[in-house]
Amino acid sequence: MYDVTNATSFKNVSRWLSELRENAASNIVVMLVGNKTDLDHIRAVPTQTARSFAEADKLFFIETSALNATNVEQAFEQLVTGT
């Protein structure tokens, strides 16, 4: 998960993903989640940038807002169902 208003949090995703893959089973399912979409007016990470990163690494991708519950349930459903 990264904060869509914080470019540094997105830059750290590569490192976190590397650490995850080094320490987890090879068959894990990984989802990249951009959070805080309710703050779109101060967005620092474009959706397409994150989506392209996720596609290149074969990750599920979704953007959410924990504050207003946008796509939170859908993120879990997508992760569980693989769709």
Protein backbone atom coordinates (compact mmCIF):
# COMPACT_ATOMS: atom_id res chain seq x y z
CA MET A 1 0.00 0.00 0.00
CA TYR A 2 1.17 3.50 -0.78
CA ASP A 3 -0.29 6.95 -0.23
CA VAL A 4 -1.41 8.57 -3.51
CA THR A 5 -0.51 11.97 -2.02
CA ASN A 6 3.06 10.94 -1.17
CA ALA A 7 5.48 10.17 -4.02
CA THR A 8 8.08 8.81 -1.59
CA SER A 9 5.68 6.13 -0.38
CA PHE A 10 5.22 5.00 -3.98
CA LYS A 11 8.98 5.01 -4.63
CA ASN A 12 9.37 2.65 -1.66
CA VAL A 13 7.01 0.08 -3.21
CA SER A 14 9.83 -1.44 -5.28
CA ARG A 15 11.91 -2.10 -2.19
CA TRP A 16 8.95 -3.46 -0.23
CA LEU A 17 8.05 -5.74 -3.11
CA SER A 18 11.61 -7.06 -3.33
CA GLU A 19 11.66 -7.77 0.40
CA LEU A 20 8.29 -9.47 0.19
CA ARG A 21 9.38 -11.71 -2.66
CA GLU A 22 12.62 -12.61 -0.87
CA ASN A 23 10.79 -13.66 2.30
CA ALA A 24 7.47 -15.08 1.17
CA ALA A 25 6.34 -18.14 -0.73
CA SER A 26 6.73 -17.87 -4.48
CA ASN A 27 3.02 -18.41 -5.12
CA ILE A 28 1.68 -15.51 -3.04
CA VAL A 29 -0.83 -13.13 -4.54
CA VAL A 30 0.20 -9.49 -4.33
CA MET A 31 -1.94 -6.41 -4.74
CA LEU A 32 -0.71 -2.85 -5.04
CA VAL A 33 -3.12 -0.51 -3.25
CA GLY A 34 -3.07 3.25 -3.61
CA ASN A 35 -4.82 4.76 -0.60
CA LYS A 36 -6.20 8.23 0.22
CA THR A 37 -8.03 8.81 -3.06
CA ASP A 38 -10.31 11.14 -1.11
CA LEU A 39 -7.37 13.57 -1.30
CA ASP A 40 -7.25 13.56 -5.10
CA HIS A 41 -6.78 17.33 -5.13
CA ILE A 42 -3.27 16.82 -3.70
CA ARG A 43 -2.44 13.59 -5.55
CA ALA A 44 1.28 13.07 -6.17
CA VAL A 45 1.17 9.63 -7.83
CA PRO A 46 -0.84 9.43 -11.06
CA THR A 47 -3.11 6.41 -11.32
CA GLN A 48 -1.58 5.35 -14.63
CA THR A 49 1.94 5.40 -13.18
CA ALA A 50 0.93 3.00 -10.43
CA ARG A 51 -1.19 0.88 -12.78
CA SER A 52 1.75 0.51 -15.18
CA PHE A 53 4.03 -0.50 -12.32
CA ALA A 54 1.52 -3.11 -11.16
CA GLU A 55 1.05 -4.51 -14.67
CA ALA A 56 4.81 -4.77 -15.21
CA ASP A 57 5.16 -6.76 -11.97
CA LYS A 58 1.98 -8.80 -12.52
CA LEU A 59 0.28 -7.37 -9.44
CA PHE A 60 -3.38 -6.73 -8.84
CA PHE A 61 -4.03 -2.99 -8.57
CA ILE A 62 -6.69 -0.82 -7.01
CA GLU A 63 -7.01 2.63 -5.52
CA THR A 64 -8.96 3.13 -2.31
CA SER A 65 -9.97 5.57 0.36
CA ALA A 66 -10.09 4.22 3.89
CA LEU A 67 -11.69 7.47 4.98
CA ASN A 68 -14.82 7.05 2.89
CA ALA A 69 -14.52 3.29 2.21
CA THR A 70 -14.14 3.71 -1.56
CA ASN A 71 -13.06 0.38 -3.10
CA VAL A 72 -12.00 -1.12 0.24
CA GLU A 73 -14.38 -4.06 0.02
CA GLN A 74 -13.62 -4.43 -3.70
CA ALA A 75 -9.90 -4.68 -2.96
CA PHE A 76 -10.45 -7.65 -0.67
CA GLU A 77 -12.86 -9.27 -3.10
CA GLN A 78 -10.43 -8.87 -5.98
CA LEU A 79 -7.59 -10.32 -3.93
CA VAL A 80 -9.63 -13.31 -2.80
CA THR A 81 -11.34 -14.08 -6.11
CA GLY A 82 -8.45 -13.16 -8.39
CA THR A 83 -10.65 -11.07 -10.67
